């Protein structure tokens, strides 16, 4: 259903586009004719990602910008710079995120704030700045927010992520209604388990936990990145001009168990789980 012209005339910014699902989505957009910009906090990672995206790009236009999406002024400067380089940004994928396992009674205020600021505040910053520019110019556009399947149910041991992603889903619905009059579509995708190196190191305690998780999925497997990227490409394209205010799950029906990481409560006594979480945190910070 796609060809190299599917995303022609799109300039799409993907936050957290230097690795994982963000990188794969950005690469797919480039393959389908879009000019692509990616941002993240590591300049080196972004440059390596740019080279990878360039290999698949139809237009050859791939731009990078190191930024912390929590900083409004920095985001504004980024979008100004990227538009000077590649023209009006008319597509945005709010993909930047942070997550880790922790018992909620042991969460520090700073740890909670860090995740909420990246996921919720960062998504607002990017959406507000891009949206205002499109509105002022009278041009249409599309925003895609990457949320999660537990926004409606909550989820044990990932409280900051559950709160932040629920906020992003509420923002999706609010802006879809408010900005529909300007021709700006706002949708969300709620992925279930899509293993990536960065996320899995913070969310899967061990092989036993990974197998227990997979056993919960009715489809019997994890998602593959290309499946998410194709869905994202469809939502961002002109193939779905009437779609706005939608949150689309892609999880092999895993969400019907409710709460992706609730199963961890059954793996070991709580004190032992807390020790495992702390060990994972120490390991991932090295």
Protein backbone atom coordinates (compact mmCIF):
# COMPACT_ATOMS: atom_id res chain seq x y z
CA UNK A 1 0.00 0.00 0.00
CA UNK A 2 3.04 2.28 0.32
CA UNK A 3 5.45 3.64 -2.27
CA UNK A 4 8.27 6.16 -2.37
CA UNK A 5 5.77 9.02 -2.77
CA UNK A 6 3.53 8.17 0.18
CA UNK A 7 5.05 10.86 2.40
CA UNK A 8 6.18 13.30 -0.27
CA UNK A 9 5.95 16.95 0.85
CA UNK A 10 6.20 15.93 4.50
CA UNK A 11 8.92 17.19 6.83
CA UNK A 12 8.57 15.01 9.92
CA UNK A 13 10.33 15.57 13.24
CA UNK A 14 10.79 12.47 15.42
CA UNK A 15 11.78 13.10 19.03
CA UNK A 16 13.93 10.39 20.55
CA UNK A 17 14.80 9.48 16.98
CA UNK A 18 18.39 8.44 17.60
CA UNK A 19 17.68 4.84 18.52
CA UNK A 20 15.05 2.16 19.00
CA UNK A 21 11.53 2.63 17.70
CA UNK A 22 12.11 6.31 16.97
CA UNK A 23 14.98 5.53 14.65
CA UNK A 24 13.02 2.83 12.86
CA UNK A 25 10.01 5.12 12.35
CA UNK A 26 12.22 7.93 11.06
CA UNK A 27 13.92 5.53 8.65
CA UNK A 28 10.59 4.32 7.32
CA UNK A 29 9.34 7.88 6.82
CA UNK A 30 12.50 8.69 4.85
CA UNK A 31 12.04 5.56 2.76
CA UNK A 32 8.54 6.74 1.83
CA UNK A 33 9.61 10.17 0.61
CA UNK A 34 9.59 12.39 3.68
CA UNK A 35 12.26 14.84 4.72
CA UNK A 36 13.15 13.74 8.25
CA UNK A 37 14.50 15.48 11.32
CA UNK A 38 15.45 13.63 14.49
CA UNK A 39 16.33 14.96 17.92
CA UNK A 40 17.66 13.52 21.14
CA UNK A 41 20.16 14.31 23.86
CA UNK A 42 23.21 12.54 22.38
CA UNK A 43 24.83 14.25 19.39
CA UNK A 44 26.94 11.16 18.63
CA UNK A 45 23.92 8.86 18.65
CA UNK A 46 22.03 11.25 16.39
CA UNK A 47 24.85 11.38 13.87
CA UNK A 48 25.06 7.59 13.71
CA UNK A 49 21.28 7.48 13.26
CA UNK A 50 21.41 10.11 10.53
CA UNK A 51 23.83 7.97 8.54
CA UNK A 52 21.53 4.96 8.92
CA UNK A 53 18.44 6.91 7.86
CA UNK A 54 20.31 8.43 4.93
CA UNK A 55 20.81 4.97 3.43
CA UNK A 56 17.05 4.54 3.14
CA UNK A 57 16.09 8.13 2.35
CA UNK A 58 14.41 8.99 -0.95
CA UNK A 59 15.07 12.73 -0.73
CA UNK A 60 18.41 12.57 1.05
CA UNK A 61 17.25 15.27 3.45
CA UNK A 62 17.93 14.13 7.01
CA UNK A 63 18.55 16.64 9.78
CA UNK A 64 19.60 16.23 13.41
CA UNK A 65 19.50 18.44 16.47
CA UNK A 66 20.66 17.57 20.01
CA UNK A 67 18.12 18.88 22.51
CA UNK A 68 16.43 18.20 25.83
CA UNK A 69 12.72 18.32 25.02
CA UNK A 70 11.98 19.34 28.61
CA UNK A 71 13.41 22.80 27.87
CA UNK A 72 10.83 24.92 26.04
CA UNK A 73 13.23 27.59 24.75
CA UNK A 74 15.65 24.93 23.52
CA UNK A 75 12.83 23.18 21.63
CA UNK A 76 11.78 26.47 20.07
CA UNK A 77 15.33 27.13 18.90
CA UNK A 78 15.56 23.60 17.52
CA UNK A 79 12.39 23.89 15.45
CA UNK A 80 13.50 27.28 14.11
CA UNK A 81 16.85 25.83 13.06
CA UNK A 82 15.40 22.68 11.50
CA UNK A 83 12.86 24.70 9.52
CA UNK A 84 15.61 26.98 8.24
CA UNK A 85 17.41 23.87 7.02
CA UNK A 86 14.54 21.77 5.70
CA UNK A 87 11.42 23.91 5.43
CA UNK A 88 8.20 23.87 7.43
CA UNK A 89 7.81 20.94 9.81
CA UNK A 90 4.31 19.61 9.13
CA UNK A 91 4.67 16.29 10.91
CA UNK A 92 5.67 15.55 14.50
CA UNK A 93 6.12 12.23 16.29
CA UNK A 94 6.38 12.67 20.05
CA UNK A 95 8.37 9.54 20.82
CA UNK A 96 10.94 10.67 23.43
CA UNK A 97 10.35 8.81 26.69
CA UNK A 98 11.85 7.47 29.87
CA UNK A 99 10.85 4.47 31.96
CA UNK A 100 12.19 2.14 34.63
CA UNK A 101 10.93 -0.34 37.20
CA UNK A 102 10.52 0.83 40.78
CA UNK A 103 8.29 0.22 43.76
CA UNK A 104 6.16 3.37 43.94
CA UNK A 105 6.77 3.90 47.67
CA UNK A 106 10.48 4.15 46.91
CA UNK A 107 10.22 6.63 44.04
CA UNK A 108 12.03 9.90 44.61
CA UNK A 109 10.30 13.13 43.58
CA UNK A 110 13.13 13.77 41.11
CA UNK A 111 12.75 10.36 39.47
CA UNK A 112 9.00 10.88 39.06
CA UNK A 113 9.49 14.39 37.72
CA UNK A 114 12.18 13.35 35.24
CA UNK A 115 9.90 10.88 33.46
CA UNK A 116 6.83 13.15 33.51
CA UNK A 117 8.88 16.08 32.20
CA UNK A 118 10.34 14.09 29.29
CA UNK A 119 7.12 12.36 28.29
CA UNK A 120 4.36 14.87 29.06
CA UNK A 121 6.08 18.26 29.20
CA UNK A 122 8.32 17.37 26.26
CA UNK A 123 5.34 16.33 24.15
CA UNK A 124 3.54 19.55 25.04
CA UNK A 125 6.58 21.69 24.24
CA UNK A 126 7.03 20.19 20.78
CA UNK A 127 3.31 20.13 19.99
CA UNK A 128 2.66 23.67 21.15
CA UNK A 129 5.54 25.21 19.22
CA UNK A 130 4.93 23.29 16.00
CA UNK A 131 1.16 23.67 16.25
CA UNK A 132 1.33 27.43 16.80
CA UNK A 133 3.57 27.84 13.76
CA UNK A 134 1.22 25.84 11.55
CA UNK A 135 -1.80 27.77 12.81
CA UNK A 136 -0.09 31.13 12.20
CA UNK A 137 0.87 30.07 8.68
CA UNK A 138 -2.52 28.56 7.87
CA UNK A 139 -0.95 25.21 6.96
CA UNK A 140 -2.21 21.73 7.91
CA UNK A 141 -0.16 19.14 9.74
CA UNK A 142 -0.16 15.91 11.69
CA UNK A 143 0.99 15.03 15.21
CA UNK A 144 1.48 11.45 16.36
CA UNK A 145 1.99 10.72 20.06
CA UNK A 146 3.51 7.41 21.13
CA UNK A 147 1.69 6.40 24.31
CA UNK A 148 1.18 2.95 25.84
CA UNK A 149 -1.51 0.33 26.36
CA UNK A 150 -1.76 1.02 30.10
CA UNK A 151 -2.95 4.62 29.94
CA UNK A 152 -6.48 3.52 30.84
CA UNK A 153 -5.64 0.87 33.42
CA UNK A 154 -2.49 2.16 35.08
CA UNK A 155 0.35 -0.26 35.69
CA UNK A 156 2.32 -1.46 38.68
CA UNK A 157 6.00 -0.51 39.09
CA UNK A 158 6.00 2.09 36.28
CA UNK A 159 3.93 4.81 37.95
CA UNK A 160 5.71 7.83 36.38
CA UNK A 161 5.29 6.41 32.89
CA UNK A 162 1.64 5.49 33.48
CA UNK A 163 0.83 9.01 34.72
CA UNK A 164 2.78 10.77 31.96
CA UNK A 165 1.48 8.65 29.09
CA UNK A 166 -2.10 9.03 30.33
CA UNK A 167 -1.54 12.78 30.22
CA UNK A 168 -0.26 12.56 26.66
CA UNK A 169 -3.32 10.57 25.61
CA UNK A 170 -5.56 13.23 27.17
CA UNK A 171 -3.56 15.88 25.30
CA UNK A 172 -4.07 13.90 22.07
CA UNK A 173 -7.84 14.02 22.47
CA UNK A 174 -7.90 17.64 23.60
CA UNK A 175 -5.76 18.97 20.74
CA UNK A 176 -7.51 16.83 18.13
CA UNK A 177 -10.77 18.57 18.93
CA UNK A 178 -9.30 22.04 19.43
CA UNK A 179 -6.99 22.05 16.41
CA UNK A 180 -9.24 20.18 13.99
CA UNK A 181 -10.51 23.51 12.73
CA UNK A 182 -6.96 24.36 11.62
CA UNK A 183 -6.46 21.14 9.66
CA UNK A 184 -4.07 19.70 12.25
CA UNK A 185 -4.67 16.02 12.97
CA UNK A 186 -3.57 14.62 16.34
CA UNK A 187 -3.48 10.86 16.94
CA UNK A 188 -1.69 8.36 19.13
CA UNK A 189 -0.32 4.85 18.86
CA UNK A 190 -0.22 2.66 21.96
CA UNK A 191 2.46 -0.01 21.48
CA UNK A 192 2.57 -3.11 23.60
CA UNK A 193 5.84 -5.02 23.97
CA UNK A 194 8.36 -4.09 21.27
CA UNK A 195 11.80 -5.11 22.57
CA UNK A 196 14.53 -2.52 22.16
CA UNK A 197 17.94 -2.63 23.77
CA UNK A 198 17.50 0.52 25.82
CA UNK A 199 13.99 -0.16 27.12
CA UNK A 200 14.45 -3.86 27.77
CA UNK A 201 17.53 -3.29 29.94
CA UNK A 202 15.40 -1.16 32.27
CA UNK A 203 12.15 -3.13 32.16
CA UNK A 204 13.00 -6.83 32.05
CA UNK A 205 14.65 -8.13 35.25
CA UNK A 206 15.82 -11.43 33.73
CA UNK A 207 15.04 -14.21 31.23
CA UNK A 208 12.42 -15.67 33.57
CA UNK A 209 10.55 -12.38 33.57
CA UNK A 210 10.82 -12.10 29.80
CA UNK A 211 9.35 -15.55 29.28
CA UNK A 212 6.55 -14.85 31.75
CA UNK A 213 5.76 -11.68 29.86
CA UNK A 214 5.66 -13.41 26.48
CA UNK A 215 3.34 -16.09 27.91
CA UNK A 216 0.77 -13.37 28.61
CA UNK A 217 0.54 -12.26 24.97
CA UNK A 218 -2.33 -13.94 23.10
CA UNK A 219 -0.39 -13.63 19.83
CA UNK A 220 2.48 -15.57 21.41
CA UNK A 221 5.23 -13.17 20.37
CA UNK A 222 6.62 -9.66 20.73
CA UNK A 223 6.03 -6.95 18.16
CA UNK A 224 8.58 -6.22 15.44
CA UNK A 225 9.69 -2.68 14.74
CA UNK A 226 8.58 -2.67 11.12
CA UNK A 227 4.99 -3.34 12.22
CA UNK A 228 4.91 -0.19 14.34
CA UNK A 229 6.73 1.87 11.69
CA UNK A 230 4.24 0.93 8.98
CA UNK A 231 1.32 1.89 11.22
CA UNK A 232 3.00 5.21 12.04
CA UNK A 233 3.59 5.87 8.33
CA UNK A 234 -0.08 5.25 7.57
CA UNK A 235 -1.26 7.60 10.34
CA UNK A 236 1.14 10.35 9.25
CA UNK A 237 0.25 10.03 5.57
CA UNK A 238 -2.60 11.53 3.56
CA UNK A 239 -4.15 8.06 3.36
CA UNK A 240 -6.04 8.77 6.58
CA UNK A 241 -7.16 12.43 6.33
CA UNK A 242 -10.29 11.94 8.48
CA UNK A 243 -8.47 10.15 11.29
CA UNK A 244 -7.90 12.41 14.28
CA UNK A 245 -8.35 11.96 18.00
CA UNK A 246 -7.67 8.24 17.69
CA UNK A 247 -5.45 6.06 19.88
CA UNK A 248 -4.54 2.85 18.08
CA UNK A 249 -3.22 -0.11 20.10
CA UNK A 250 -0.69 -2.44 18.50
CA UNK A 251 0.12 -5.17 20.99
CA UNK A 252 -1.04 -8.61 19.89
CA UNK A 253 -4.02 -8.19 22.31
CA UNK A 254 -1.64 -8.05 25.30
CA UNK A 255 -3.50 -5.02 26.70
CA UNK A 256 -6.49 -7.21 27.47
CA UNK A 257 -4.49 -8.59 30.41
CA UNK A 258 -4.29 -4.95 31.68
CA UNK A 259 -1.05 -3.44 33.01
CA UNK A 260 2.03 -4.58 31.09
CA UNK A 261 4.26 -5.07 34.13
CA UNK A 262 1.71 -6.21 36.73
CA UNK A 263 2.92 -9.79 36.22
CA UNK A 264 6.23 -8.91 37.89
CA UNK A 265 4.44 -8.88 41.25
CA UNK A 266 4.13 -12.68 41.00
CA UNK A 267 7.79 -13.37 40.21
CA UNK A 268 9.27 -12.98 43.69
CA UNK A 269 8.61 -11.59 47.19
CA UNK A 270 8.41 -7.79 47.24
CA UNK A 271 11.68 -7.23 49.10
CA UNK A 272 13.48 -9.38 46.55
CA UNK A 273 11.85 -7.48 43.68
CA UNK A 274 13.05 -4.19 45.14
CA UNK A 275 16.61 -5.53 45.24
CA UNK A 276 16.32 -6.60 41.60
CA UNK A 277 15.01 -3.14 40.60
CA UNK A 278 17.92 -1.46 42.35
CA UNK A 279 20.42 -3.78 40.66
CA UNK A 280 18.88 -3.01 37.27
CA UNK A 281 19.04 0.72 37.97
CA UNK A 282 22.73 0.49 38.90
CA UNK A 283 23.50 -1.61 35.83
CA UNK A 284 21.66 0.66 33.35
CA UNK A 285 23.35 3.80 34.73
CA UNK A 286 26.85 2.50 33.95
